[in-house]
């Protein structure tokens, strides 16, 4: 029930680029690929205002292996009919650079020519280890930018703008539902917007349109599971969990963490309701604002407080089993669901 992370202020990042001009070195990382690609395009337009990209843009797909010689050669290549060159190193495993390669790379980073901009464009799952000399050297000689989810209000407007491009209208509340269903990352939302817009036969998008074709993230599915349990729709809850477990992308340990977090949020919301702390408290403590906070409070009202407390303990026991026994993790997760479904609710 931690507080929400401060929203990413992409406008400030763009403004800084325009005010300061091109830097020599960038480390770009984070799960919000859409904004990262927007920023890279801004760098390209600034570096090549007259379209000189073809001969002066060097892409190095490292594929985990960091080719220092290729980076050095690209950096040293003089621009052709341009004042600038850009070297893009994509998906390098910067957290595993051996000592000898670090010395060679550090030599390059400390002596980048004025005409060159070197960009380390990292995979969405990459997180820099700030203890390592390679990462410290990049940050010392350049600029590190993490791209993550934008603020709620800006994201709502962004969703509405993209639906408008498809001649569709979507209300703020329905846009919130799309975020709840498909996540708060623009790179995930964009294909969902296109699917929903293509599916809907009406001018205004509805939650039914979203339910029909949009991909649901695991967090939303777990929310749906606890909603079903609160309504005593145990078969429906089991079906959703089975669908989650059927996907190779969903690790049972991570799903358990999501279920445990959702139970704790329900417990926090229940406490807030019983002590009349209000919706603002739920939004702050449970990290569930707007429509999601309302739904969380409504769902928690169907549970007994002592039952939710017991379910939190069951989640902890399941976590211990997964980490200390040879029982299949999927069986443990299904057993947890059956224990919760068979317990008292109201």
Protein backbone atom coordinates (compact mmCIF):
# COMPACT_ATOMS: atom_id res chain seq x y z
CA UNK A 1 0.00 0.00 0.00
CA UNK A 2 2.84 2.34 -0.90
CA UNK A 3 2.32 5.78 -2.34
CA UNK A 4 2.21 6.22 -6.09
CA UNK A 5 5.47 7.13 -7.79
CA UNK A 6 5.78 10.77 -8.85
CA UNK A 7 4.47 10.96 -12.44
CA UNK A 8 7.04 11.30 -15.21
CA UNK A 9 7.19 14.88 -16.49
CA UNK A 10 8.05 14.40 -20.14
CA UNK A 11 7.39 18.06 -20.93
CA UNK A 12 10.20 19.09 -18.57
CA UNK A 13 12.61 16.67 -20.27
CA UNK A 14 11.76 18.01 -23.74
CA UNK A 15 12.07 21.59 -22.51
CA UNK A 16 15.52 20.89 -21.07
CA UNK A 17 16.67 19.41 -24.40
CA UNK A 18 15.48 22.47 -26.31
CA UNK A 19 17.06 24.90 -23.85
CA UNK A 20 20.41 23.13 -23.42
CA UNK A 21 20.80 21.67 -26.89
CA UNK A 22 22.26 18.28 -27.76
CA UNK A 23 24.37 16.54 -25.17
CA UNK A 24 27.25 14.22 -25.97
CA UNK A 25 26.06 11.21 -24.00
CA UNK A 26 22.68 9.80 -22.90
CA UNK A 27 21.56 6.77 -20.93
CA UNK A 28 17.87 6.27 -21.76
CA UNK A 29 16.00 3.55 -19.89
CA UNK A 30 12.65 2.68 -18.37
CA UNK A 31 9.49 0.80 -19.31
CA UNK A 32 7.76 3.65 -21.14
CA UNK A 33 9.11 2.96 -24.63
CA UNK A 34 6.66 5.32 -26.34
CA UNK A 35 8.02 8.44 -24.64
CA UNK A 36 11.60 7.20 -24.99
CA UNK A 37 11.17 6.89 -28.75
CA UNK A 38 9.56 10.35 -28.86
CA UNK A 39 12.61 11.77 -27.09
CA UNK A 40 15.04 9.99 -29.41
CA UNK A 41 13.16 11.43 -32.39
CA UNK A 42 13.55 14.90 -30.88
CA UNK A 43 17.30 14.31 -30.63
CA UNK A 44 17.39 13.19 -34.26
CA UNK A 45 15.53 16.27 -35.49
CA UNK A 46 17.88 18.49 -33.54
CA UNK A 47 20.98 16.66 -34.80
CA UNK A 48 19.81 16.46 -38.42
CA UNK A 49 17.56 19.47 -39.12
CA UNK A 50 18.06 19.11 -42.88
CA UNK A 51 17.64 15.35 -43.12
CA UNK A 52 21.32 14.34 -43.01
CA UNK A 53 20.54 11.22 -40.96
CA UNK A 54 21.31 8.59 -43.61
CA UNK A 55 25.10 8.91 -43.52
CA UNK A 56 25.52 10.15 -39.97
CA UNK A 57 23.38 7.86 -37.86
CA UNK A 58 25.13 4.72 -36.62
CA UNK A 59 23.06 1.96 -35.02
CA UNK A 60 24.81 -0.72 -32.96
CA UNK A 61 22.56 -3.60 -31.86
CA UNK A 62 24.73 -5.04 -29.14
CA UNK A 63 22.63 -8.13 -28.35
CA UNK A 64 24.05 -8.23 -24.80
CA UNK A 65 27.66 -8.22 -26.06
CA UNK A 66 29.14 -4.73 -25.83
CA UNK A 67 31.32 -4.13 -28.91
CA UNK A 68 33.61 -1.34 -27.69
CA UNK A 69 35.60 -1.26 -30.94
CA UNK A 70 32.42 -0.74 -32.99
CA UNK A 71 31.32 2.05 -30.65
CA UNK A 72 34.74 3.71 -30.81
CA UNK A 73 34.86 3.55 -34.62
CA UNK A 74 31.34 4.98 -34.95
CA UNK A 75 32.10 7.78 -32.51
CA UNK A 76 35.31 8.69 -34.37
CA UNK A 77 33.63 8.75 -37.79
CA UNK A 78 33.47 12.34 -38.97
CA UNK A 79 30.04 13.62 -40.04
CA UNK A 80 29.36 13.66 -43.80
CA UNK A 81 27.81 16.90 -45.05
CA UNK A 82 26.53 17.57 -41.56
CA UNK A 83 27.68 19.18 -38.34
CA UNK A 84 26.67 16.21 -36.22
CA UNK A 85 26.57 12.44 -35.91
CA UNK A 86 24.52 10.17 -33.63
CA UNK A 87 25.64 6.75 -32.40
CA UNK A 88 22.86 4.56 -30.97
CA UNK A 89 23.84 1.53 -28.87
CA UNK A 90 20.70 -0.54 -28.34
CA UNK A 91 20.00 -3.04 -25.54
CA UNK A 92 23.55 -3.30 -24.23
CA UNK A 93 23.99 -5.22 -20.96
CA UNK A 94 25.70 -2.36 -19.18
CA UNK A 95 25.40 -4.10 -15.82
CA UNK A 96 27.80 -6.85 -16.92
CA UNK A 97 30.76 -5.08 -18.49
CA UNK A 98 34.04 -6.83 -17.66
CA UNK A 99 36.95 -4.85 -16.26
CA UNK A 100 39.01 -4.75 -19.45
CA UNK A 101 36.03 -3.59 -21.51
CA UNK A 102 35.21 -0.96 -18.88
CA UNK A 103 38.64 0.62 -19.27
CA UNK A 104 38.22 0.82 -23.06
CA UNK A 105 34.65 2.12 -22.81
CA UNK A 106 35.53 4.68 -20.16
CA UNK A 107 38.27 6.01 -22.44
CA UNK A 108 35.65 6.57 -25.15
CA UNK A 109 33.13 8.16 -22.77
CA UNK A 110 35.66 10.61 -21.36
CA UNK A 111 36.75 11.85 -24.78
CA UNK A 112 33.62 12.13 -26.92
CA UNK A 113 34.06 14.60 -29.80
CA UNK A 114 31.91 17.73 -29.96
CA UNK A 115 30.23 16.57 -33.17
CA UNK A 116 28.97 13.25 -31.77
CA UNK A 117 26.03 12.26 -29.56
CA UNK A 118 26.26 8.75 -28.10
CA UNK A 119 22.99 7.19 -26.89
CA UNK A 120 22.62 4.02 -24.83
CA UNK A 121 19.01 3.02 -25.57
CA UNK A 122 18.12 0.32 -23.05
CA UNK A 123 15.53 -2.47 -23.08
CA UNK A 124 12.35 -1.68 -21.03
CA UNK A 125 13.29 -4.35 -18.46
CA UNK A 126 16.77 -2.90 -17.85
CA UNK A 127 17.55 -1.10 -14.60
CA UNK A 128 21.03 0.42 -14.20
CA UNK A 129 23.06 -0.77 -11.23
CA UNK A 130 24.41 2.50 -9.87
CA UNK A 131 27.12 0.68 -7.89
CA UNK A 132 28.97 -0.29 -11.07
CA UNK A 133 31.80 1.76 -12.55
CA UNK A 134 30.34 1.60 -16.07
CA UNK A 135 27.05 3.14 -14.98
CA UNK A 136 28.79 5.75 -12.83
CA UNK A 137 31.02 6.72 -15.74
CA UNK A 138 28.05 7.17 -18.10
CA UNK A 139 26.21 9.30 -15.54
CA UNK A 140 29.34 11.36 -14.82
CA UNK A 141 30.01 12.11 -18.48
CA UNK A 142 26.43 12.32 -19.72
CA UNK A 143 22.76 12.43 -18.81
CA UNK A 144 20.59 9.63 -17.46
CA UNK A 145 16.82 9.75 -18.13
CA UNK A 146 14.34 7.17 -16.87
CA UNK A 147 11.08 6.94 -18.82
CA UNK A 148 8.06 5.72 -16.88
CA UNK A 149 4.31 6.33 -16.60
CA UNK A 150 2.99 9.87 -17.10
CA UNK A 151 0.66 11.63 -14.71
CA UNK A 152 -2.98 10.55 -14.52
CA UNK A 153 -4.55 13.73 -15.96
CA UNK A 154 -2.05 13.97 -18.82
CA UNK A 155 -2.57 10.31 -19.67
CA UNK A 156 -6.36 10.77 -19.81
CA UNK A 157 -5.96 13.68 -22.25
CA UNK A 158 -3.46 11.67 -24.31
CA UNK A 159 -5.92 8.76 -24.60
CA UNK A 160 -8.74 11.12 -25.59
CA UNK A 161 -6.50 12.76 -28.20
CA UNK A 162 -5.64 9.40 -29.80
CA UNK A 163 -9.27 8.28 -29.89
CA UNK A 164 -10.16 11.62 -31.46
CA UNK A 165 -7.68 10.83 -34.24
CA UNK A 166 -9.92 7.81 -34.95
CA UNK A 167 -13.03 10.05 -34.86
CA UNK A 168 -14.04 8.57 -31.52
CA UNK A 169 -14.97 10.13 -28.18
CA UNK A 170 -14.06 8.66 -24.82
CA UNK A 171 -15.05 10.10 -21.45
CA UNK A 172 -12.51 10.61 -18.67
CA UNK A 173 -14.10 7.84 -16.62
CA UNK A 174 -14.01 5.36 -19.52
CA UNK A 175 -10.39 6.34 -20.21
CA UNK A 176 -9.67 5.53 -16.55
CA UNK A 177 -11.21 2.12 -17.12
CA UNK A 178 -8.91 1.54 -20.10
CA UNK A 179 -5.90 2.46 -17.94
CA UNK A 180 -7.13 0.09 -15.22
CA UNK A 181 -7.66 -2.66 -17.77
CA UNK A 182 -4.54 -2.28 -19.93
CA UNK A 183 -2.04 -0.39 -17.77
CA UNK A 184 -0.65 3.15 -17.65
CA UNK A 185 2.15 2.85 -20.21
CA UNK A 186 1.60 4.60 -23.53
CA UNK A 187 3.45 1.92 -25.50
CA UNK A 188 0.92 -0.63 -24.19
CA UNK A 189 -2.11 1.62 -24.51
CA UNK A 190 -1.56 2.69 -28.11
CA UNK A 191 -2.32 -0.72 -29.71
CA UNK A 192 -5.29 -1.14 -27.36
CA UNK A 193 -6.68 2.23 -28.43
CA UNK A 194 -6.38 1.20 -32.07
CA UNK A 195 -8.13 -2.15 -31.42
CA UNK A 196 -10.96 -0.60 -29.43
CA UNK A 197 -11.46 2.23 -31.95
CA UNK A 198 -11.60 -0.25 -34.83
CA UNK A 199 -14.04 -2.49 -32.95
CA UNK A 200 -16.51 0.13 -31.77
CA UNK A 201 -19.33 0.91 -34.17
CA UNK A 202 -20.45 3.98 -32.21
CA UNK A 203 -19.02 7.48 -31.89
CA UNK A 204 -18.39 7.14 -28.14
CA UNK A 205 -16.26 4.37 -26.61
CA UNK A 206 -17.82 2.34 -23.81
CA UNK A 207 -16.43 0.00 -21.17
CA UNK A 208 -18.12 -2.83 -23.06
CA UNK A 209 -15.98 -2.02 -26.11
CA UNK A 210 -12.87 -2.23 -23.95
CA UNK A 211 -13.94 -5.52 -22.37
CA UNK A 212 -14.60 -6.97 -25.81
CA UNK A 213 -11.17 -6.52 -27.40
CA UNK A 214 -8.61 -4.85 -25.12
CA UNK A 215 -5.87 -6.96 -23.53
CA UNK A 216 -6.15 -7.10 -19.76
CA UNK A 217 -2.97 -6.79 -17.70
CA UNK A 218 -2.48 -9.28 -14.79
CA UNK A 219 -3.14 -6.56 -12.20
CA UNK A 220 -6.61 -5.97 -13.66
CA UNK A 221 -7.30 -9.70 -13.79
CA UNK A 222 -6.37 -10.06 -10.11
CA UNK A 223 -8.72 -7.17 -9.29
CA UNK A 224 -11.43 -9.03 -11.19
CA UNK A 225 -10.70 -12.22 -9.23
CA UNK A 226 -11.26 -10.52 -5.86
CA UNK A 227 -14.39 -8.83 -7.23
CA UNK A 228 -15.76 -12.24 -8.21
CA UNK A 229 -14.89 -13.67 -4.79
CA UNK A 230 -16.67 -10.80 -3.05
CA UNK A 231 -19.76 -11.59 -5.14
CA UNK A 232 -19.39 -15.33 -4.38
CA UNK A 233 -18.76 -16.07 -8.06
CA UNK A 234 -16.09 -18.63 -7.23
CA UNK A 235 -16.17 -20.46 -10.57
CA UNK A 236 -15.61 -17.20 -12.44
CA UNK A 237 -12.70 -16.32 -10.14
CA UNK A 238 -11.12 -19.74 -10.72
CA UNK A 239 -11.54 -19.35 -14.49
CA UNK A 240 -9.70 -16.01 -14.51
CA UNK A 241 -6.83 -17.46 -12.44
CA UNK A 242 -6.63 -20.49 -14.74
CA UNK A 243 -6.35 -18.17 -17.75
CA UNK A 244 -3.53 -16.27 -16.04
CA UNK A 245 -1.66 -19.48 -15.21
CA UNK A 246 -2.10 -20.76 -18.76
CA UNK A 247 0.12 -17.94 -20.04
CA UNK A 248 3.87 -18.58 -19.92
CA UNK A 249 4.38 -14.85 -19.36
CA UNK A 250 2.74 -15.04 -15.92
CA UNK A 251 5.02 -16.43 -13.24
CA UNK A 252 3.03 -17.89 -10.28
CA UNK A 253 5.27 -16.13 -7.74
CA UNK A 254 4.55 -12.77 -9.37
CA UNK A 255 0.84 -13.57 -9.54
CA UNK A 256 0.88 -14.41 -5.84
CA UNK A 257 2.53 -11.06 -5.15
CA UNK A 258 -0.25 -9.32 -7.10
CA UNK A 259 -2.96 -11.25 -5.24
CA UNK A 260 -1.34 -10.51 -1.89
CA UNK A 261 -1.07 -6.82 -2.74
CA UNK A 262 -4.72 -6.70 -3.82
CA UNK A 263 -5.86 -8.38 -0.58
CA UNK A 264 -3.84 -5.86 1.43
CA UNK A 265 -5.41 -3.01 -0.56
CA UNK A 266 -8.87 -4.39 0.19
CA UNK A 267 -7.91 -4.63 3.86
CA UNK A 268 -6.72 -1.01 3.82
CA UNK A 269 -9.90 0.13 2.07
CA UNK A 270 -12.04 -1.79 4.56
CA UNK A 271 -10.25 -0.10 7.47
CA UNK A 272 -10.80 3.27 5.80
CA UNK A 273 -14.53 2.60 5.39
CA UNK A 274 -14.99 1.37 8.97
CA UNK A 275 -13.08 4.33 10.43
CA UNK A 276 -14.68 6.83 8.04
CA UNK A 277 -11.34 8.00 6.70
CA UNK A 278 -12.77 8.74 3.27
CA UNK A 279 -11.86 8.16 -0.35
CA UNK A 280 -8.80 10.42 -0.22
CA UNK A 281 -7.24 8.11 2.37
CA UNK A 282 -7.86 5.08 0.15
CA UNK A 283 -6.30 6.85 -2.84
CA UNK A 284 -3.23 7.83 -0.81
CA UNK A 285 -2.61 4.62 1.13
CA UNK A 286 -3.84 2.05 -1.37
CA UNK A 287 -2.56 3.75 -4.51
CA UNK A 288 -6.03 3.57 -6.10
CA UNK A 289 -7.31 6.88 -7.33
CA UNK A 290 -10.53 7.92 -9.02
CA UNK A 291 -12.74 5.18 -10.39
CA UNK A 292 -10.38 2.44 -9.15
CA UNK A 293 -10.52 3.75 -5.57
CA UNK A 294 -14.32 3.78 -5.69
CA UNK A 295 -14.40 0.22 -6.96
CA UNK A 296 -11.92 -0.91 -4.30
CA UNK A 297 -14.04 0.59 -1.52
CA UNK A 298 -17.20 -0.98 -2.95
CA UNK A 299 -15.56 -4.39 -3.20
CA UNK A 300 -14.05 -4.21 0.30
CA UNK A 301 -17.49 -3.54 1.76
CA UNK A 302 -18.51 -7.10 0.85
CA UNK A 303 -15.74 -8.62 3.00
CA UNK A 304 -15.47 -8.93 6.76
CA UNK A 305 -12.41 -7.23 8.23
CA UNK A 306 -11.27 -10.35 10.09
CA UNK A 307 -11.71 -12.39 6.90
CA UNK A 308 -9.42 -10.03 4.95
CA UNK A 309 -6.88 -10.19 7.78
CA UNK A 310 -6.99 -13.99 7.52
CA UNK A 311 -6.54 -13.87 3.74
CA UNK A 312 -3.42 -11.74 4.18
CA UNK A 313 -2.01 -14.54 6.39
CA UNK A 314 -2.96 -17.17 3.81
CA UNK A 315 -1.03 -15.25 1.13
CA UNK A 316 2.03 -15.15 3.39
CA UNK A 317 1.75 -18.91 3.97
CA UNK A 318 1.46 -19.54 0.23
CA UNK A 319 4.56 -17.42 -0.37
CA UNK A 320 6.48 -19.49 2.20
CA UNK A 321 5.34 -22.74 0.55
CA UNK A 322 6.49 -21.59 -2.87
CA UNK A 323 9.94 -20.72 -1.56
CA UNK A 324 10.47 -23.70 0.78
CA UNK A 325 8.71 -26.74 -0.73
CA UNK A 326 8.80 -28.75 -3.96
CA UNK A 327 5.05 -28.42 -4.48
CA UNK A 328 4.17 -26.98 -7.89
CA UNK A 329 3.68 -23.22 -7.59
CA UNK A 330 0.52 -23.35 -9.68
CA UNK A 331 -1.03 -25.89 -7.31
CA UNK A 332 -0.19 -23.66 -4.35
CA UNK A 333 -1.84 -20.70 -6.06
CA UNK A 334 -5.00 -22.63 -6.90
CA UNK A 335 -5.12 -23.99 -3.34
CA UNK A 336 -4.88 -20.42 -2.02
CA UNK A 337 -7.81 -19.38 -4.19
CA UNK A 338 -9.92 -22.30 -2.93
CA UNK A 339 -9.08 -21.41 0.70
CA UNK A 340 -10.14 -17.81 0.15
CA UNK A 341 -13.29 -18.82 -1.74
CA UNK A 342 -14.31 -21.24 1.02
CA UNK A 343 -13.78 -18.70 3.80
CA UNK A 344 -16.29 -16.30 5.25
CA UNK A 345 -16.78 -13.05 3.40
CA UNK A 346 -19.65 -11.08 4.93
